[in-house]
Structure formats: C-alpha cells, structure tokens
N, C-alpha and C. Protein backbone atom coordinates (compact mmCIF):
# COMPACT_ATOMS: atom_id res chain seq x y z
N MET A 1 133.50 79.90 58.63
CA MET A 1 134.90 79.89 58.29
C MET A 1 135.65 79.12 59.36
N ARG A 2 136.42 78.15 58.91
CA ARG A 2 137.18 77.32 59.86
C ARG A 2 138.33 78.13 60.45
N THR A 3 138.52 77.92 61.75
CA THR A 3 139.56 78.61 62.49
C THR A 3 140.46 77.58 63.15
N LEU A 4 141.77 77.80 63.05
CA LEU A 4 142.75 76.96 63.73
C LEU A 4 143.36 77.76 64.86
N VAL A 5 143.35 77.17 66.05
CA VAL A 5 143.93 77.80 67.23
C VAL A 5 145.21 77.06 67.59
N LEU A 6 146.32 77.77 67.64
CA LEU A 6 147.60 77.20 68.05
C LEU A 6 148.02 77.85 69.35
N GLY A 7 148.18 77.04 70.38
CA GLY A 7 148.63 77.54 71.68
C GLY A 7 149.49 76.51 72.36
N ARG A 8 150.40 76.95 73.15
CA ARG A 8 151.33 76.03 73.81
C ARG A 8 150.72 75.35 75.04
N THR A 9 149.65 75.90 75.58
CA THR A 9 149.01 75.32 76.77
C THR A 9 147.70 74.66 76.35
N PRO A 10 147.68 73.32 76.33
CA PRO A 10 146.47 72.62 75.88
C PRO A 10 145.18 73.04 76.60
N ALA A 11 145.27 73.32 77.90
CA ALA A 11 144.06 73.71 78.63
C ALA A 11 143.52 75.04 78.12
N ARG A 12 144.39 75.96 77.78
CA ARG A 12 143.93 77.24 77.25
C ARG A 12 143.37 77.09 75.84
N VAL A 13 144.00 76.26 75.04
CA VAL A 13 143.48 75.98 73.71
C VAL A 13 142.06 75.41 73.84
N ALA A 14 141.88 74.50 74.77
CA ALA A 14 140.57 73.88 74.99
C ALA A 14 139.53 74.93 75.40
N GLU A 15 139.93 75.88 76.22
CA GLU A 15 138.99 76.93 76.65
C GLU A 15 138.60 77.83 75.48
N VAL A 16 139.57 78.18 74.65
CA VAL A 16 139.26 79.00 73.47
C VAL A 16 138.30 78.24 72.55
N LEU A 17 138.61 76.97 72.31
CA LEU A 17 137.75 76.16 71.44
C LEU A 17 136.35 76.02 72.01
N ALA A 18 136.25 75.82 73.31
CA ALA A 18 134.93 75.67 73.93
C ALA A 18 134.08 76.92 73.69
N THR A 19 134.68 78.09 73.84
CA THR A 19 133.92 79.32 73.63
C THR A 19 133.56 79.50 72.16
N LEU A 20 134.54 79.32 71.28
CA LEU A 20 134.26 79.48 69.85
C LEU A 20 133.18 78.52 69.39
N CYS A 21 133.30 77.26 69.77
CA CYS A 21 132.31 76.26 69.33
C CYS A 21 130.94 76.53 69.92
N ALA A 22 130.89 76.95 71.18
CA ALA A 22 129.61 77.28 71.81
C ALA A 22 128.92 78.43 71.09
N ASP A 23 129.73 79.30 70.49
CA ASP A 23 129.18 80.46 69.78
C ASP A 23 128.99 80.20 68.29
N GLY A 24 129.12 78.94 67.89
CA GLY A 24 128.80 78.56 66.52
C GLY A 24 129.95 78.61 65.52
N PHE A 25 131.16 78.80 66.00
CA PHE A 25 132.31 78.84 65.09
C PHE A 25 132.86 77.43 64.88
N ASP A 26 133.37 77.19 63.70
CA ASP A 26 134.00 75.91 63.34
C ASP A 26 135.49 76.06 63.64
N ALA A 27 135.95 75.42 64.71
CA ALA A 27 137.33 75.63 65.15
C ALA A 27 137.98 74.33 65.61
N GLU A 28 139.28 74.26 65.37
CA GLU A 28 140.11 73.16 65.85
C GLU A 28 141.30 73.78 66.55
N GLY A 29 141.94 72.99 67.41
CA GLY A 29 143.10 73.52 68.12
C GLY A 29 144.19 72.50 68.29
N VAL A 30 145.43 73.00 68.31
CA VAL A 30 146.61 72.17 68.49
C VAL A 30 147.62 72.93 69.34
N SER A 31 148.63 72.18 69.82
CA SER A 31 149.68 72.80 70.63
C SER A 31 151.04 72.79 69.95
N GLY A 32 151.17 72.02 68.88
CA GLY A 32 152.47 71.91 68.21
C GLY A 32 152.48 72.50 66.82
N ASP A 33 153.64 73.01 66.43
CA ASP A 33 153.79 73.61 65.10
C ASP A 33 153.53 72.61 63.98
N GLU A 34 154.06 71.41 64.13
CA GLU A 34 153.90 70.41 63.06
C GLU A 34 152.44 70.03 62.88
N GLU A 35 151.72 69.90 63.99
CA GLU A 35 150.27 69.61 63.89
C GLU A 35 149.57 70.75 63.15
N ALA A 36 149.94 71.98 63.48
CA ALA A 36 149.32 73.13 62.82
C ALA A 36 149.63 73.12 61.33
N ARG A 37 150.87 72.85 60.99
CA ARG A 37 151.26 72.82 59.57
C ARG A 37 150.48 71.75 58.81
N GLU A 38 150.33 70.57 59.41
CA GLU A 38 149.59 69.49 58.75
C GLU A 38 148.15 69.89 58.48
N LEU A 39 147.52 70.50 59.46
CA LEU A 39 146.13 70.93 59.28
C LEU A 39 146.02 72.04 58.25
N LEU A 40 146.92 73.01 58.32
CA LEU A 40 146.89 74.11 57.35
C LEU A 40 147.15 73.61 55.93
N GLU A 41 148.04 72.65 55.82
CA GLU A 41 148.37 72.08 54.51
C GLU A 41 147.15 71.43 53.87
N GLY A 42 146.29 70.86 54.72
CA GLY A 42 145.07 70.23 54.22
C GLY A 42 144.07 71.23 53.67
N GLY A 43 144.27 72.49 53.99
CA GLY A 43 143.41 73.53 53.46
C GLY A 43 142.12 73.69 54.25
N GLY A 44 141.38 74.70 53.89
CA GLY A 44 140.07 74.91 54.49
C GLY A 44 140.04 75.83 55.69
N PHE A 45 141.19 76.28 56.17
CA PHE A 45 141.19 77.20 57.30
C PHE A 45 141.30 78.63 56.78
N GLY A 46 140.42 79.48 57.27
CA GLY A 46 140.45 80.88 56.87
C GLY A 46 141.12 81.77 57.89
N VAL A 47 141.19 81.27 59.14
CA VAL A 47 141.76 82.06 60.22
C VAL A 47 142.70 81.18 61.04
N LEU A 48 143.82 81.77 61.44
CA LEU A 48 144.76 81.12 62.35
C LEU A 48 144.95 82.05 63.54
N ILE A 49 144.69 81.53 64.73
CA ILE A 49 144.95 82.26 65.97
C ILE A 49 146.21 81.67 66.58
N ILE A 50 147.21 82.52 66.82
CA ILE A 50 148.47 82.08 67.41
C ILE A 50 148.56 82.65 68.82
N GLY A 51 148.68 81.76 69.80
CA GLY A 51 148.74 82.16 71.20
C GLY A 51 150.00 82.91 71.57
N GLY A 52 149.91 83.66 72.64
CA GLY A 52 151.00 84.51 73.09
C GLY A 52 152.27 83.78 73.48
N ALA A 53 152.18 82.51 73.85
CA ALA A 53 153.36 81.77 74.28
C ALA A 53 154.13 81.14 73.12
N VAL A 54 153.60 81.26 71.91
CA VAL A 54 154.29 80.71 70.74
C VAL A 54 155.51 81.59 70.45
N GLU A 55 156.65 80.94 70.34
CA GLU A 55 157.91 81.63 70.19
C GLU A 55 157.96 82.47 68.91
N PRO A 56 158.71 83.59 68.92
CA PRO A 56 158.76 84.48 67.75
C PRO A 56 159.15 83.78 66.45
N GLY A 57 160.12 82.88 66.48
CA GLY A 57 160.53 82.19 65.26
C GLY A 57 159.42 81.31 64.72
N SER A 58 158.76 80.58 65.60
CA SER A 58 157.63 79.74 65.19
C SER A 58 156.50 80.59 64.66
N ARG A 59 156.23 81.68 65.34
CA ARG A 59 155.14 82.59 64.96
C ARG A 59 155.36 83.11 63.53
N ALA A 60 156.56 83.59 63.24
CA ALA A 60 156.85 84.14 61.91
C ALA A 60 156.75 83.06 60.83
N SER A 61 157.30 81.89 61.12
CA SER A 61 157.27 80.80 60.16
C SER A 61 155.84 80.35 59.87
N LEU A 62 155.03 80.26 60.91
CA LEU A 62 153.65 79.82 60.73
C LEU A 62 152.80 80.86 60.01
N LYS A 63 153.08 82.12 60.24
CA LYS A 63 152.35 83.17 59.51
C LYS A 63 152.62 83.05 58.02
N GLU A 64 153.87 82.84 57.67
CA GLU A 64 154.24 82.69 56.26
C GLU A 64 153.59 81.44 55.67
N PHE A 65 153.65 80.33 56.41
CA PHE A 65 153.07 79.07 55.95
C PHE A 65 151.56 79.23 55.76
N ALA A 66 150.91 79.90 56.71
CA ALA A 66 149.46 80.10 56.62
C ALA A 66 149.10 80.90 55.37
N ALA A 67 149.86 81.94 55.09
CA ALA A 67 149.58 82.77 53.90
C ALA A 67 149.70 81.95 52.63
N GLU A 68 150.66 81.03 52.60
CA GLU A 68 150.86 80.17 51.43
C GLU A 68 149.74 79.15 51.26
N HIS A 69 148.95 78.95 52.32
CA HIS A 69 147.90 77.93 52.29
C HIS A 69 146.50 78.52 52.43
N GLY A 70 146.34 79.75 51.99
CA GLY A 70 145.01 80.33 51.87
C GLY A 70 144.37 80.90 53.12
N VAL A 71 145.12 81.03 54.20
CA VAL A 71 144.56 81.62 55.41
C VAL A 71 144.38 83.12 55.18
N ARG A 72 143.18 83.59 55.43
CA ARG A 72 142.86 85.00 55.19
C ARG A 72 143.35 85.93 56.29
N ARG A 73 143.33 85.41 57.52
CA ARG A 73 143.65 86.28 58.67
C ARG A 73 144.42 85.50 59.70
N VAL A 74 145.51 86.09 60.19
CA VAL A 74 146.25 85.54 61.32
C VAL A 74 146.05 86.49 62.48
N ILE A 75 145.64 85.94 63.60
CA ILE A 75 145.37 86.74 64.80
C ILE A 75 146.42 86.39 65.84
N ASP A 76 147.13 87.39 66.32
CA ASP A 76 148.06 87.19 67.43
C ASP A 76 147.26 87.33 68.72
N GLY A 77 147.26 86.26 69.50
CA GLY A 77 146.48 86.28 70.72
C GLY A 77 147.33 86.18 71.96
N ALA A 78 146.88 86.80 73.01
CA ALA A 78 147.50 86.67 74.33
C ALA A 78 146.33 86.70 75.31
N LEU A 79 145.83 85.53 75.65
CA LEU A 79 144.61 85.44 76.46
C LEU A 79 144.73 86.15 77.79
N ARG A 80 143.64 86.78 78.16
CA ARG A 80 143.50 87.36 79.49
C ARG A 80 142.20 86.83 80.08
N GLU A 81 142.20 86.67 81.37
CA GLU A 81 141.00 86.18 82.04
C GLU A 81 139.98 87.30 82.18
N PRO A 82 138.71 86.98 82.18
CA PRO A 82 138.13 85.67 81.89
C PRO A 82 138.26 85.35 80.40
N PHE A 83 138.70 84.14 80.12
CA PHE A 83 139.02 83.74 78.75
C PHE A 83 137.85 83.85 77.80
N ASP A 84 136.66 83.43 78.24
CA ASP A 84 135.51 83.47 77.34
C ASP A 84 135.18 84.90 76.93
N VAL A 85 135.29 85.83 77.85
CA VAL A 85 135.02 87.24 77.54
C VAL A 85 136.07 87.76 76.55
N TYR A 86 137.32 87.39 76.75
CA TYR A 86 138.39 87.81 75.85
C TYR A 86 138.16 87.26 74.44
N VAL A 87 137.84 85.97 74.36
CA VAL A 87 137.60 85.34 73.05
C VAL A 87 136.45 86.03 72.33
N ARG A 88 135.38 86.29 73.05
CA ARG A 88 134.21 86.93 72.43
C ARG A 88 134.49 88.38 72.03
N GLY A 89 135.29 89.07 72.79
CA GLY A 89 135.56 90.48 72.52
C GLY A 89 136.68 90.73 71.54
N GLU A 90 137.66 89.82 71.50
CA GLU A 90 138.85 90.05 70.68
C GLU A 90 138.91 89.16 69.43
N PHE A 91 138.67 87.87 69.60
CA PHE A 91 138.84 86.93 68.49
C PHE A 91 137.61 86.86 67.58
N GLU A 92 136.44 86.73 68.16
CA GLU A 92 135.24 86.51 67.36
C GLU A 92 134.96 87.65 66.38
N PRO A 93 135.12 88.92 66.76
CA PRO A 93 134.90 89.98 65.75
C PRO A 93 135.87 89.88 64.57
N LEU A 94 137.11 89.50 64.82
CA LEU A 94 138.09 89.37 63.75
C LEU A 94 137.79 88.19 62.85
N ILE A 95 137.29 87.10 63.43
CA ILE A 95 136.90 85.94 62.63
C ILE A 95 135.72 86.32 61.73
N ARG A 96 134.75 87.01 62.30
CA ARG A 96 133.59 87.45 61.50
C ARG A 96 134.03 88.37 60.36
N GLU A 97 134.94 89.27 60.67
CA GLU A 97 135.44 90.20 59.65
C GLU A 97 136.13 89.45 58.52
N ALA A 98 136.95 88.45 58.86
CA ALA A 98 137.63 87.66 57.83
C ALA A 98 136.60 86.89 57.00
N ALA A 99 135.56 86.38 57.64
CA ALA A 99 134.54 85.61 56.93
C ALA A 99 133.74 86.48 55.96
N SER A 100 133.63 87.76 56.29
CA SER A 100 132.86 88.65 55.43
C SER A 100 133.72 89.27 54.33
N GLY A 101 134.98 88.87 54.30
CA GLY A 101 135.85 89.38 53.25
C GLY A 101 136.66 90.61 53.65
N GLY A 102 136.50 91.03 54.92
CA GLY A 102 137.20 92.24 55.37
C GLY A 102 138.60 92.01 55.83
C-alpha cells in the first residue's frame, strides 16, 4: 500500500522515508501542501502521514482532500527520536492495518 508522508522538515521526511523503504513499504514524501494534493489527486495512496509541524488548517484540509481521493487512513505524526524506532513502532503497524482492511 502506497504511503504519502507530508512533513515541513525535509530532513525528517527523508528519515521517515528511509526507514519505511528499508522495511519494504512503498512511500513518497513531500514538504508542501500543493505537492501532497497533486500526488493524492493522482490516486493510488492508501495512507497519508501528516507530520506534527503541519499547521491545523492545512491538516484539516488535507484530511478532507485525502478522504475524497481514496486514502484509507490518515496518521497524525509527531516524530520522536530515535526516528527509525518511532516509525517502526507507531507508523508501520498502522500502515499494515490499513493494508489489511482494518
């Protein structure tokens, strides 16, 4: 299941993607709302992870947009170090659950 990661800090987005991809997940990441909307509009994403620094207005708008474009699960994230441990413990189980229909 394809996952889109939206975060305001490109380095953190890259770290999340590195962990997800190393663990076999199909994931892409962006830092801007418009980039996220363009990718979601293209379809094929089942999960959207929204980073903790994304503003409340953007967060609400993107959640609604994602629902309109077939995203099964939106995950609100706020990374804590070590990032790889957080991604594996918090994000990956939710992605697996969405992929299994849960």
